[in-house]
C-alpha cells in the first residue's frame, strides 16, 4: 500500500507539472472505484488545475472553473486515494498505456494525467467547494464514514482475542479521531479500544 512518503513523492512530482493546466477531456475504463463517473466526464472538462495537495494519503487537485465548464461558478476538488496498488502520473499520449489504467484526464497541452490501479482499491471522487480542510471538517468529511467490518480477519496480527468493531476508510479521519486521544497505530488502537475476550 502506498504510504505517506510515496504519496508525498507523487504529489511533489505532480505539483511541478499540473498547476496551470486545463483538463480537456476525461476517458474512463472500469469505474467501480469512482463515486460518480458521469460527474467526472461532465464536470471536469474545461476546469483548470490550481493546486495539488496531500491530505493524509489522499491527493487533492483544486480545480477552478474555466470558461466552457458546467457549474462554472464553483470550484471543485478532485480527490484521489491510491488504495493498495494505485499510481497517478502525467504521460504523453504516445507513451505506452500500463495495464489496469482506468482513468485518463487529457490536458490542453496534449499530455494525460493517468490513474492506474491493479486491484481497484483506490477511490476517485469530486468534492464541490474550495480548499478542503486538512482536519476533514470540510465538505469531504461527509463522504467518508465508519463502515462495519464483516470479517474476523480485519485486524490481522492483532491476536486471537481481538474482535473487529469498525474500520475507518479515510486516513485523515483516522488522524482526526485518534490524535486528541493520543492513540497511535493499529496495535495501540486494539489494546485501548477493542474489548478483550
C-alpha atoms as a PDB file:
ATOM      1  CA  UNK A   1       0.000   0.000   0.000  1.00  0.00           C
ATOM      2  CA  UNK A   2       1.376   3.453  -0.819  1.00  0.00           C
ATOM      3  CA  UNK A   3       2.457   5.004   2.472  1.00  0.00           C
ATOM      4  CA  UNK A   4       2.715   8.721   3.199  1.00  0.00           C
ATOM      5  CA  UNK A   5       6.238   9.100   1.742  1.00  0.00           C
ATOM      6  CA  UNK A   6       5.149   7.525  -1.557  1.00  0.00           C
ATOM      7  CA  UNK A   7       2.013   9.665  -1.730  1.00  0.00           C
ATOM      8  CA  UNK A   8       4.055  12.777  -0.888  1.00  0.00           C
ATOM      9  CA  UNK A   9       6.548  11.908  -3.642  1.00  0.00           C
ATOM     10  CA  UNK A  10       3.715  11.594  -6.170  1.00  0.00           C
ATOM     11  CA  UNK A  11       2.198  14.901  -5.017  1.00  0.00           C
ATOM     12  CA  UNK A  12       5.531  16.726  -5.255  1.00  0.00           C
ATOM     13  CA  UNK A  13       6.014  15.403  -8.771  1.00  0.00           C
ATOM     14  CA  UNK A  14       2.506  16.447  -9.820  1.00  0.00           C
ATOM     15  CA  UNK A  15       2.991  19.929  -8.298  1.00  0.00           C
ATOM     16  CA  UNK A  16       5.779  20.593 -10.773  1.00  0.00           C
ATOM     17  CA  UNK A  17       3.744  19.730 -13.874  1.00  0.00           C
ATOM     18  CA  UNK A  18      -0.010  20.118 -13.236  1.00  0.00           C
ATOM     19  CA  UNK A  19      -0.844  23.593 -11.826  1.00  0.00           C
ATOM     20  CA  UNK A  20      -1.974  25.968 -14.554  1.00  0.00           C
ATOM     21  CA  UNK A  21      -3.084  23.247 -16.947  1.00  0.00           C
ATOM     22  CA  UNK A  22      -6.672  22.663 -18.035  1.00  0.00           C
ATOM     23  CA  UNK A  23      -8.458  19.317 -18.272  1.00  0.00           C
ATOM     24  CA  UNK A  24      -9.821  18.978 -21.809  1.00  0.00           C
ATOM     25  CA  UNK A  25     -11.485  15.579 -21.666  1.00  0.00           C
ATOM     26  CA  UNK A  26     -11.970  12.546 -19.436  1.00  0.00           C
ATOM     27  CA  UNK A  27     -11.806   8.928 -20.577  1.00  0.00           C
ATOM     28  CA  UNK A  28     -12.650   6.157 -18.118  1.00  0.00           C
ATOM     29  CA  UNK A  29     -12.150   2.404 -18.114  1.00  0.00           C
ATOM     30  CA  UNK A  30     -13.530   0.436 -15.184  1.00  0.00           C
ATOM     31  CA  UNK A  31     -15.401   2.716 -12.818  1.00  0.00           C
ATOM     32  CA  UNK A  32     -16.365   0.641  -9.775  1.00  0.00           C
ATOM     33  CA  UNK A  33     -13.996   2.671  -7.567  1.00  0.00           C
ATOM     34  CA  UNK A  34     -15.272   6.058  -8.784  1.00  0.00           C
ATOM     35  CA  UNK A  35     -18.093   7.617  -6.791  1.00  0.00           C
ATOM     36  CA  UNK A  36     -19.808   9.308  -9.747  1.00  0.00           C
ATOM     37  CA  UNK A  37     -18.224   8.519 -13.143  1.00  0.00           C
ATOM     38  CA  UNK A  38     -20.775  10.595 -15.050  1.00  0.00           C
ATOM     39  CA  UNK A  39     -19.922  13.671 -12.970  1.00  0.00           C
ATOM     40  CA  UNK A  40     -16.222  13.299 -13.809  1.00  0.00           C
ATOM     41  CA  UNK A  41     -16.935  13.208 -17.537  1.00  0.00           C
ATOM     42  CA  UNK A  42     -19.467  16.034 -17.350  1.00  0.00           C
ATOM     43  CA  UNK A  43     -17.944  18.486 -14.857  1.00  0.00           C
ATOM     44  CA  UNK A  44     -14.160  18.162 -15.278  1.00  0.00           C
ATOM     45  CA  UNK A  45     -13.584  19.245 -18.906  1.00  0.00           C
ATOM     46  CA  UNK A  46     -12.645  22.917 -19.037  1.00  0.00           C
ATOM     47  CA  UNK A  47     -11.511  23.094 -15.407  1.00  0.00           C
ATOM     48  CA  UNK A  48      -8.073  24.460 -14.600  1.00  0.00           C
ATOM     49  CA  UNK A  49      -5.853  22.732 -12.047  1.00  0.00           C
ATOM     50  CA  UNK A  50      -4.867  25.372  -9.495  1.00  0.00           C
ATOM     51  CA  UNK A  51      -3.083  23.358  -6.816  1.00  0.00           C
ATOM     52  CA  UNK A  52      -2.044  19.826  -5.940  1.00  0.00           C
ATOM     53  CA  UNK A  53      -2.161  18.992  -2.220  1.00  0.00           C
ATOM     54  CA  UNK A  54      -1.857  15.947   0.002  1.00  0.00           C
ATOM     55  CA  UNK A  55      -4.413  15.287   2.735  1.00  0.00           C
ATOM     56  CA  UNK A  56      -3.095  12.295   4.629  1.00  0.00           C
ATOM     57  CA  UNK A  57      -2.942   9.597   1.955  1.00  0.00           C
ATOM     58  CA  UNK A  58      -5.371  11.455  -0.308  1.00  0.00           C
ATOM     59  CA  UNK A  59      -4.322  13.534  -3.306  1.00  0.00           C
ATOM     60  CA  UNK A  60      -6.379  16.676  -3.829  1.00  0.00           C
ATOM     61  CA  UNK A  61      -6.446  18.571  -7.114  1.00  0.00           C
ATOM     62  CA  UNK A  62      -8.039  22.001  -6.598  1.00  0.00           C
ATOM     63  CA  UNK A  63      -9.894  22.948  -9.756  1.00  0.00           C
ATOM     64  CA  UNK A  64     -11.211  26.328 -10.800  1.00  0.00           C
ATOM     65  CA  UNK A  65     -13.966  26.818 -13.330  1.00  0.00           C
ATOM     66  CA  UNK A  66     -12.967  27.605 -16.874  1.00  0.00           C
ATOM     67  CA  UNK A  67     -14.993  29.464 -19.481  1.00  0.00           C
ATOM     68  CA  UNK A  68     -16.627  26.387 -21.005  1.00  0.00           C
ATOM     69  CA  UNK A  69     -17.332  24.377 -17.867  1.00  0.00           C
ATOM     70  CA  UNK A  70     -20.662  23.379 -16.437  1.00  0.00           C
ATOM     71  CA  UNK A  71     -21.292  24.775 -12.962  1.00  0.00           C
ATOM     72  CA  UNK A  72     -18.728  27.442 -13.866  1.00  0.00           C
ATOM     73  CA  UNK A  73     -19.429  29.489 -10.736  1.00  0.00           C
ATOM     74  CA  UNK A  74     -17.972  26.994  -8.284  1.00  0.00           C
ATOM     75  CA  UNK A  75     -14.650  25.450  -7.508  1.00  0.00           C
ATOM     76  CA  UNK A  76     -14.242  21.687  -7.290  1.00  0.00           C
ATOM     77  CA  UNK A  77     -11.750  19.247  -5.864  1.00  0.00           C
ATOM     78  CA  UNK A  78     -10.742  16.003  -7.495  1.00  0.00           C
ATOM     79  CA  UNK A  79      -9.843  13.753  -4.568  1.00  0.00           C
ATOM     80  CA  UNK A  80      -7.901  10.553  -5.246  1.00  0.00           C
ATOM     81  CA  UNK A  81      -6.872   7.747  -2.923  1.00  0.00           C
ATOM     82  CA  UNK A  82      -4.357   5.310  -4.379  1.00  0.00           C
ATOM     83  CA  UNK A  83      -5.567   2.300  -2.404  1.00  0.00           C
ATOM     84  CA  UNK A  84      -3.040  -0.529  -2.323  1.00  0.00           C
ATOM     85  CA  UNK A  85      -1.737  -0.541  -5.886  1.00  0.00           C
ATOM     86  CA  UNK A  86      -2.684   2.868  -7.301  1.00  0.00           C
ATOM     87  CA  UNK A  87      -0.448   5.225  -9.269  1.00  0.00           C
ATOM     88  CA  UNK A  88      -1.097   8.705 -10.634  1.00  0.00           C
ATOM     89  CA  UNK A  89       1.157  10.434 -13.119  1.00  0.00           C
ATOM     90  CA  UNK A  90       1.425  12.558 -16.255  1.00  0.00           C
ATOM     91  CA  UNK A  91       2.326  10.889 -19.540  1.00  0.00           C
ATOM     92  CA  UNK A  92       2.464  11.803 -23.213  1.00  0.00           C
ATOM     93  CA  UNK A  93      -0.322  10.249 -25.327  1.00  0.00           C
ATOM     94  CA  UNK A  94       2.209   8.207 -27.322  1.00  0.00           C
ATOM     95  CA  UNK A  95       3.636   6.622 -24.148  1.00  0.00           C
ATOM     96  CA  UNK A  96       2.562   3.006 -23.675  1.00  0.00           C
ATOM     97  CA  UNK A  97      -0.514   2.601 -21.525  1.00  0.00           C
ATOM     98  CA  UNK A  98       0.199   0.487 -18.462  1.00  0.00           C
ATOM     99  CA  UNK A  99      -2.182  -2.399 -17.826  1.00  0.00           C
ATOM    100  CA  UNK A 100      -5.016  -1.521 -15.434  1.00  0.00           C
ATOM    101  CA  UNK A 101      -5.021   2.181 -16.332  1.00  0.00           C
ATOM    102  CA  UNK A 102      -8.622   3.154 -15.655  1.00  0.00           C
ATOM    103  CA  UNK A 103      -8.731   6.966 -15.893  1.00  0.00           C
ATOM    104  CA  UNK A 104      -7.257   9.362 -18.434  1.00  0.00           C
ATOM    105  CA  UNK A 105      -7.540  13.121 -17.900  1.00  0.00           C
ATOM    106  CA  UNK A 106      -6.357  14.825 -21.089  1.00  0.00           C
ATOM    107  CA  UNK A 107      -4.662  18.201 -20.589  1.00  0.00           C
ATOM    108  CA  UNK A 108      -4.703  21.124 -23.020  1.00  0.00           C
ATOM    109  CA  UNK A 109      -1.032  20.563 -23.952  1.00  0.00           C
ATOM    110  CA  UNK A 110      -1.826  17.024 -25.147  1.00  0.00           C
ATOM    111  CA  UNK A 111      -0.399  15.156 -22.150  1.00  0.00           C
ATOM    112  CA  UNK A 112      -2.565  12.908 -19.984  1.00  0.00           C
ATOM    113  CA  UNK A 113      -2.928  12.535 -16.241  1.00  0.00           C
ATOM    114  CA  UNK A 114      -3.349   8.768 -15.837  1.00  0.00           C
ATOM    115  CA  UNK A 115      -4.661   6.760 -12.907  1.00  0.00           C
ATOM    116  CA  UNK A 116      -3.565   3.112 -12.772  1.00  0.00           C
ATOM    117  CA  UNK A 117      -4.763   0.656 -10.131  1.00  0.00           C
ATOM    118  CA  UNK A 118      -4.367  -3.102 -10.476  1.00  0.00           C
ATOM    119  CA  UNK A 119      -6.681  -4.088  -7.620  1.00  0.00           C
ATOM    120  CA  UNK A 120      -9.006  -1.045  -7.804  1.00  0.00           C
ATOM    121  CA  UNK A 121      -8.955  -0.479  -4.037  1.00  0.00           C
ATOM    122  CA  UNK A 122      -8.428   3.237  -4.611  1.00  0.00           C
ATOM    123  CA  UNK A 123     -11.094   5.889  -4.904  1.00  0.00           C
ATOM    124  CA  UNK A 124     -11.776   8.928  -7.075  1.00  0.00           C
ATOM    125  CA  UNK A 125     -14.443  11.491  -6.320  1.00  0.00           C
ATOM    126  CA  UNK A 126     -15.392  15.096  -6.921  1.00  0.00           C
ATOM    127  CA  UNK A 127     -15.987  17.358  -3.940  1.00  0.00           C
ATOM    128  CA  UNK A 128     -17.591  20.757  -4.601  1.00  0.00           C
ATOM    129  CA  UNK A 129     -16.235  23.895  -2.979  1.00  0.00           C
ATOM    130  CA  UNK A 130     -12.865  25.485  -2.335  1.00  0.00           C
ATOM    131  CA  UNK A 131      -9.992  24.039  -0.364  1.00  0.00           C
ATOM    132  CA  UNK A 132     -10.843  21.033   1.772  1.00  0.00           C
ATOM    133  CA  UNK A 133      -9.707  21.449   5.363  1.00  0.00           C
ATOM    134  CA  UNK A 134      -6.932  19.073   6.347  1.00  0.00           C
ATOM    135  CA  UNK A 135      -8.833  18.246   9.520  1.00  0.00           C
ATOM    136  CA  UNK A 136     -11.580  16.621   7.492  1.00  0.00           C
ATOM    137  CA  UNK A 137     -14.125  19.176   8.673  1.00  0.00           C
ATOM    138  CA  UNK A 138     -14.820  20.399   5.151  1.00  0.00           C
ATOM    139  CA  UNK A 139     -17.333  19.142   2.647  1.00  0.00           C
ATOM    140  CA  UNK A 140     -15.373  15.938   2.042  1.00  0.00           C
ATOM    141  CA  UNK A 141     -15.896  14.774   5.618  1.00  0.00           C
ATOM    142  CA  UNK A 142     -19.387  13.541   4.871  1.00  0.00           C
ATOM    143  CA  UNK A 143     -18.025  11.361   2.049  1.00  0.00           C
ATOM    144  CA  UNK A 144     -16.111   9.001   4.355  1.00  0.00           C
ATOM    145  CA  UNK A 145     -17.771   7.277   7.269  1.00  0.00           C
ATOM    146  CA  UNK A 146     -17.230   4.378   9.597  1.00  0.00           C
ATOM    147  CA  UNK A 147     -18.008   1.070   7.956  1.00  0.00           C
ATOM    148  CA  UNK A 148     -18.701  -2.140   9.843  1.00  0.00           C
ATOM    149  CA  UNK A 149     -16.129  -4.860   9.428  1.00  0.00           C
ATOM    150  CA  UNK A 150     -17.683  -8.170   8.455  1.00  0.00           C
ATOM    151  CA  UNK A 151     -14.542 -10.239   8.694  1.00  0.00           C
ATOM    152  CA  UNK A 152     -12.655 -11.513  11.706  1.00  0.00           C
ATOM    153  CA  UNK A 153      -9.518 -11.107   9.572  1.00  0.00           C
ATOM    154  CA  UNK A 154      -9.913  -7.322   9.639  1.00  0.00           C
ATOM    155  CA  UNK A 155      -7.283  -6.955  12.356  1.00  0.00           C
ATOM    156  CA  UNK A 156      -4.635  -9.366  11.098  1.00  0.00           C
ATOM    157  CA  UNK A 157      -1.824  -9.926  13.516  1.00  0.00           C
ATOM    158  CA  UNK A 158      -3.748  -8.441  16.406  1.00  0.00           C
ATOM    159  CA  UNK A 159      -4.135 -11.639  18.373  1.00  0.00           C
ATOM    160  CA  UNK A 160      -6.940 -14.123  18.630  1.00  0.00           C
ATOM    161  CA  UNK A 161      -8.716 -12.358  21.449  1.00  0.00           C
ATOM    162  CA  UNK A 162      -9.389  -9.181  19.464  1.00  0.00           C
ATOM    163  CA  UNK A 163     -12.681  -8.658  17.689  1.00  0.00           C
ATOM    164  CA  UNK A 164     -13.226  -6.158  14.897  1.00  0.00           C
ATOM    165  CA  UNK A 165     -15.665  -3.354  15.530  1.00  0.00           C
ATOM    166  CA  UNK A 166     -15.301  -0.969  12.614  1.00  0.00           C
ATOM    167  CA  UNK A 167     -12.853   0.307  10.048  1.00  0.00           C
ATOM    168  CA  UNK A 168     -12.063   3.877   9.206  1.00  0.00           C
ATOM    169  CA  UNK A 169     -11.994   4.432   5.480  1.00  0.00           C
ATOM    170  CA  UNK A 170     -10.100   7.726   5.279  1.00  0.00           C
ATOM    171  CA  UNK A 171      -6.621   8.361   6.651  1.00  0.00           C
ATOM    172  CA  UNK A 172      -7.284  11.961   7.610  1.00  0.00           C
ATOM    173  CA  UNK A 173     -10.406  10.844   9.506  1.00  0.00           C
ATOM    174  CA  UNK A 174      -8.287   8.370  11.468  1.00  0.00           C
ATOM    175  CA  UNK A 175      -5.775  11.080  12.292  1.00  0.00           C
ATOM    176  CA  UNK A 176      -8.511  13.474  13.352  1.00  0.00           C
ATOM    177  CA  UNK A 177     -10.155  10.882  15.591  1.00  0.00           C
ATOM    178  CA  UNK A 178      -7.088   9.433  17.275  1.00  0.00           C
ATOM    179  CA  UNK A 179      -4.769  12.437  17.610  1.00  0.00           C
ATOM    180  CA  UNK A 180      -6.612  14.050  20.577  1.00  0.00           C
ATOM    181  CA  UNK A 181      -6.780  10.708  22.391  1.00  0.00           C
ATOM    182  CA  UNK A 182      -3.059  10.055  21.857  1.00  0.00           C
ATOM    183  CA  UNK A 183      -3.908   6.661  20.363  1.00  0.00           C
ATOM    184  CA  UNK A 184      -1.380   5.953  17.620  1.00  0.00           C
ATOM    185  CA  UNK A 185      -1.099   2.954  15.379  1.00  0.00           C
ATOM    186  CA  UNK A 186      -3.185  -0.162  14.965  1.00  0.00           C
ATOM    187  CA  UNK A 187      -1.759  -2.056  17.949  1.00  0.00           C
ATOM    188  CA  UNK A 188      -2.381   0.819  20.362  1.00  0.00           C
ATOM    189  CA  UNK A 189      -5.915   1.112  18.986  1.00  0.00           C
ATOM    190  CA  UNK A 190      -6.582  -2.564  19.519  1.00  0.00           C
ATOM    191  CA  UNK A 191      -5.204  -2.555  23.051  1.00  0.00           C
ATOM    192  CA  UNK A 192      -7.115   0.530  24.169  1.00  0.00           C
ATOM    193  CA  UNK A 193     -10.402   0.348  22.290  1.00  0.00           C
ATOM    194  CA  UNK A 194     -11.336  -3.206  21.411  1.00  0.00           C
ATOM    195  CA  UNK A 195     -12.749  -5.407  24.183  1.00  0.00           C
ATOM    196  CA  UNK A 196     -10.796  -8.471  25.219  1.00  0.00           C
ATOM    197  CA  UNK A 197     -12.213 -11.964  25.312  1.00  0.00           C
END
